[in-house]
Protein backbone atom coordinates (compact mmCIF):
# COMPACT_ATOMS: atom_id res chain seq x y z
CA MET A 1 -5.49 2.63 36.77
CA GLU A 2 -3.54 1.36 33.74
CA ILE A 3 -5.09 0.91 30.24
CA PHE A 4 -4.01 -1.93 27.96
CA PHE A 5 -4.75 -2.75 24.40
CA VAL A 6 -4.66 -6.04 22.60
CA ILE A 7 -2.87 -5.71 19.19
CA TRP A 8 -3.37 -8.21 16.49
CA GLN A 9 -0.37 -8.98 14.37
CA PHE A 10 -0.87 -10.00 10.65
CA GLN A 11 1.66 -11.61 8.31
CA ALA A 12 3.70 -9.11 6.25
CA LEU A 13 3.88 -9.85 2.48
CA ASP A 14 6.84 -11.96 1.31
CA ASN A 15 9.16 -10.77 -1.40
CA MET A 16 7.08 -12.29 -4.25
CA GLN A 17 3.80 -10.84 -2.90
CA VAL A 18 5.30 -7.33 -2.53
CA ALA A 19 5.52 -7.12 -6.31
CA TYR A 20 1.71 -7.20 -6.52
CA ASP A 21 1.15 -4.53 -3.73
CA PRO A 22 -0.15 -1.64 -5.87
CA TYR A 23 0.73 0.89 -3.08
CA HIS A 24 4.36 -0.30 -2.56
CA GLN A 25 5.49 1.89 -5.46
CA PHE A 26 4.48 5.14 -3.78
CA SER A 27 7.10 5.71 -0.99
CA GLY A 28 5.34 8.82 0.34
CA LEU A 29 1.92 7.07 0.61
CA PRO A 30 1.50 5.61 4.25
CA CYS A 31 -0.33 2.54 2.79
CA CYS A 32 0.53 -1.12 1.98
CA LEU A 33 -0.94 -4.57 1.84
CA PHE A 34 -0.75 -7.24 4.59
CA SER A 35 -1.74 -10.76 4.55
CA ARG A 36 -4.75 -11.51 6.79
CA GLN A 37 -3.00 -14.52 8.20
CA PHE A 38 -3.14 -14.03 11.93
CA MET A 39 0.33 -14.22 13.58
CA GLY A 40 -0.70 -13.74 17.19
CA ASP A 41 -1.72 -10.96 19.50
CA HIS A 42 0.19 -8.78 21.90
CA VAL A 43 -0.91 -6.88 25.11
CA ILE A 44 0.59 -3.41 25.33
CA GLN A 45 0.09 -0.38 27.53
CA ALA A 46 -1.76 2.61 25.94
CA GLN A 47 1.22 4.90 26.17
CA ASN A 48 3.14 2.49 23.85
CA ILE A 49 0.85 2.97 20.96
CA ALA A 50 2.92 4.63 18.16
CA SER A 51 0.43 4.97 15.40
CA HIS A 52 -3.36 4.47 14.55
CA PHE A 53 -4.32 2.82 11.36
CA THR A 54 -7.31 1.61 9.43
CA GLY A 55 -7.53 -1.54 7.42
CA CYS A 56 -9.86 -2.65 4.67
CA PRO A 57 -10.25 -6.19 3.05
CA HIS A 58 -8.70 -6.39 -0.29
CA GLN A 59 -8.35 -9.12 -2.96
CA ARG A 60 -5.61 -9.44 -5.48
CA PRO A 61 -6.35 -11.72 -8.57
CA GLU A 62 -2.70 -12.41 -8.87
CA LEU A 63 -2.31 -13.80 -5.30
CA SER A 64 -4.23 -16.40 -3.36
CA GLY A 65 -5.35 -15.62 0.17
CA GLN A 66 -6.94 -12.71 1.85
CA PHE A 67 -5.32 -9.31 2.33
CA LEU A 68 -5.77 -6.05 4.05
CA VAL A 69 -4.94 -2.57 2.75
CA VAL A 70 -3.54 -0.75 5.83
CA LEU A 71 -3.31 2.96 5.98
CA SER A 72 -1.54 4.90 8.80
CA LEU A 73 -3.95 7.55 10.18
CA ASN A 74 -1.20 9.44 11.81
CA GLN A 75 0.52 10.24 8.53
CA VAL A 76 -2.70 11.07 6.76
CA ILE A 77 -3.29 13.92 9.08
CA VAL A 78 0.07 15.33 8.28
CA LEU A 79 -0.48 14.82 4.48
CA GLY A 80 -3.89 16.52 4.81
CA VAL A 81 -2.40 19.59 6.37
CA VAL A 82 0.31 19.93 3.70
CA LEU A 83 -2.15 19.41 0.89
CA ALA A 84 -4.59 21.92 2.37
CA ALA A 85 -1.77 24.52 2.74
CA GLY A 86 -0.47 23.93 -0.82
């Protein structure tokens, strides 16, 4: 039996919008904004999933539209281990 997942693709920020992403300035933080504009979906096999993430709705007064704060959970686990050891 094969397991498949449907992945939703959202629009990445354009160059003007990235300037208003408060997380973009922290290169070590696995977090960024995405537009909630739906770009389509993709069906992939379970073994092709490279990362898990969580998203939370976010509004920016400087920008029109709806956005998501996206945080990679795979990298958070690594950061947590490093912070706990330090």
